[in-house]
């Protein structure tokens, strides 16, 4: 039971940190219109909006779809990390109930679990 409690608590904290980090990355990307994504490219040919960027020789990757692709991958990842944090929190609650640690032991009994 103690291993379940420690692993679920650790996973809950890591999943929450991952969700917050992805939310921050999405907010910064949308606010800067994707320019943080092409920061490594030192080309004057890149426009002010990363969505209209073209592939140049000065950039090590194709910049045409980086904005849309990053957001399309980050939104589901953030939602899945948040769901994982919730499930890990519930698993931690079950571990507390099984251990009989208060205040969880008052409202539930081991037989109900």
Protein backbone atom coordinates (compact mmCIF):
# COMPACT_ATOMS: atom_id res chain seq x y z
CA UNK A 1 0.00 0.00 0.00
CA UNK A 2 2.87 2.35 0.74
CA UNK A 3 4.40 1.75 -2.68
CA UNK A 4 1.05 2.53 -4.31
CA UNK A 5 0.77 5.71 -2.28
CA UNK A 6 4.27 6.94 -3.08
CA UNK A 7 4.18 6.07 -6.78
CA UNK A 8 0.72 7.56 -7.30
CA UNK A 9 1.67 10.75 -5.45
CA UNK A 10 4.86 11.10 -7.49
CA UNK A 11 2.98 10.48 -10.74
CA UNK A 12 0.30 12.99 -9.76
CA UNK A 13 2.92 15.68 -9.13
CA UNK A 14 4.78 14.94 -12.37
CA UNK A 15 1.59 14.87 -14.44
CA UNK A 16 0.45 18.15 -12.93
CA UNK A 17 3.82 19.74 -13.70
CA UNK A 18 3.62 18.40 -17.26
CA UNK A 19 0.12 19.84 -17.72
CA UNK A 20 1.19 23.24 -16.41
CA UNK A 21 4.30 23.23 -18.61
CA UNK A 22 2.31 22.36 -21.72
CA UNK A 23 -0.28 25.03 -20.91
CA UNK A 24 2.52 27.57 -20.55
CA UNK A 25 4.11 26.46 -23.83
CA UNK A 26 0.77 26.78 -25.62
CA UNK A 27 0.15 30.23 -24.14
CA UNK A 28 3.62 31.48 -25.08
CA UNK A 29 3.36 30.05 -28.58
CA UNK A 30 -0.04 31.59 -29.25
CA UNK A 31 1.03 34.93 -27.74
CA UNK A 32 4.20 35.14 -29.84
CA UNK A 33 2.40 33.83 -32.95
CA UNK A 34 4.89 30.98 -33.14
CA UNK A 35 8.07 33.03 -33.28
CA UNK A 36 9.51 31.16 -30.28
CA UNK A 37 9.32 27.99 -32.36
CA UNK A 38 11.54 29.39 -35.11
CA UNK A 39 13.93 31.28 -32.83
CA UNK A 40 16.88 29.14 -33.95
CA UNK A 41 16.49 30.30 -37.53
CA UNK A 42 18.55 33.41 -38.27
CA UNK A 43 16.93 34.25 -41.57
CA UNK A 44 15.64 37.66 -42.52
CA UNK A 45 13.32 35.89 -44.97
CA UNK A 46 11.11 34.66 -42.13
CA UNK A 47 7.97 36.79 -41.75
CA UNK A 48 6.67 38.11 -38.43
CA UNK A 49 4.06 35.35 -38.29
CA UNK A 50 5.42 31.81 -38.05
CA UNK A 51 2.29 30.42 -39.71
CA UNK A 52 3.35 32.05 -42.96
CA UNK A 53 7.00 31.09 -42.65
CA UNK A 54 8.73 29.40 -45.54
CA UNK A 55 11.48 26.81 -45.53
CA UNK A 56 14.85 28.48 -45.97
CA UNK A 57 18.41 27.25 -46.06
CA UNK A 58 19.15 29.09 -42.80
CA UNK A 59 16.71 26.97 -40.83
CA UNK A 60 17.50 23.32 -40.01
CA UNK A 61 13.84 22.26 -40.34
CA UNK A 62 10.82 22.95 -42.49
CA UNK A 63 9.00 25.87 -40.88
CA UNK A 64 5.83 25.77 -42.96
CA UNK A 65 3.71 23.74 -40.54
CA UNK A 66 5.52 23.96 -37.21
CA UNK A 67 2.96 26.27 -35.55
CA UNK A 68 -0.10 24.19 -36.37
CA UNK A 69 1.66 20.89 -35.73
CA UNK A 70 2.99 21.97 -32.34
CA UNK A 71 -0.42 23.13 -31.17
CA UNK A 72 -2.15 20.06 -32.59
CA UNK A 73 0.19 17.84 -30.57
CA UNK A 74 0.32 19.93 -27.40
CA UNK A 75 -3.45 20.27 -26.80
CA UNK A 76 -4.18 16.52 -26.62
CA UNK A 77 -0.97 15.94 -24.65
CA UNK A 78 -2.03 18.56 -22.10
CA UNK A 79 -5.50 17.01 -21.78
CA UNK A 80 -4.07 13.51 -21.37
CA UNK A 81 -1.54 14.69 -18.77
CA UNK A 82 -4.33 16.40 -16.83
CA UNK A 83 -6.43 13.23 -16.96
CA UNK A 84 -3.42 11.23 -15.78
CA UNK A 85 -2.97 13.64 -12.85
CA UNK A 86 -6.62 13.19 -11.86
CA UNK A 87 -6.40 9.40 -12.06
CA UNK A 88 -3.16 9.38 -10.07
CA UNK A 89 -4.81 11.58 -7.45
CA UNK A 90 -7.68 9.12 -7.18
CA UNK A 91 -5.21 6.25 -6.90
CA UNK A 92 -3.45 8.14 -4.12
CA UNK A 93 -6.79 8.60 -2.36
CA UNK A 94 -7.47 4.85 -2.59
CA UNK A 95 -4.03 4.15 -1.11
CA UNK A 96 -4.81 6.52 1.77
CA UNK A 97 -8.12 4.75 2.36
CA UNK A 98 -6.46 1.34 2.35
CA UNK A 99 -3.88 2.54 4.85
CA UNK A 100 -6.60 3.97 7.08
CA UNK A 101 -4.92 7.37 7.16
CA UNK A 102 -7.21 10.14 8.33
CA UNK A 103 -9.30 12.11 7.11
CA UNK A 104 -9.99 9.59 4.34
CA UNK A 105 -10.61 6.77 6.79
CA UNK A 106 -13.63 8.53 8.32
CA UNK A 107 -15.74 8.77 5.20
CA UNK A 108 -14.89 5.40 3.69
CA UNK A 109 -14.17 1.99 5.04
CA UNK A 110 -11.88 -0.67 3.66
CA UNK A 111 -14.88 -2.87 2.92
CA UNK A 112 -16.34 -0.26 0.54
CA UNK A 113 -13.11 -0.14 -1.46
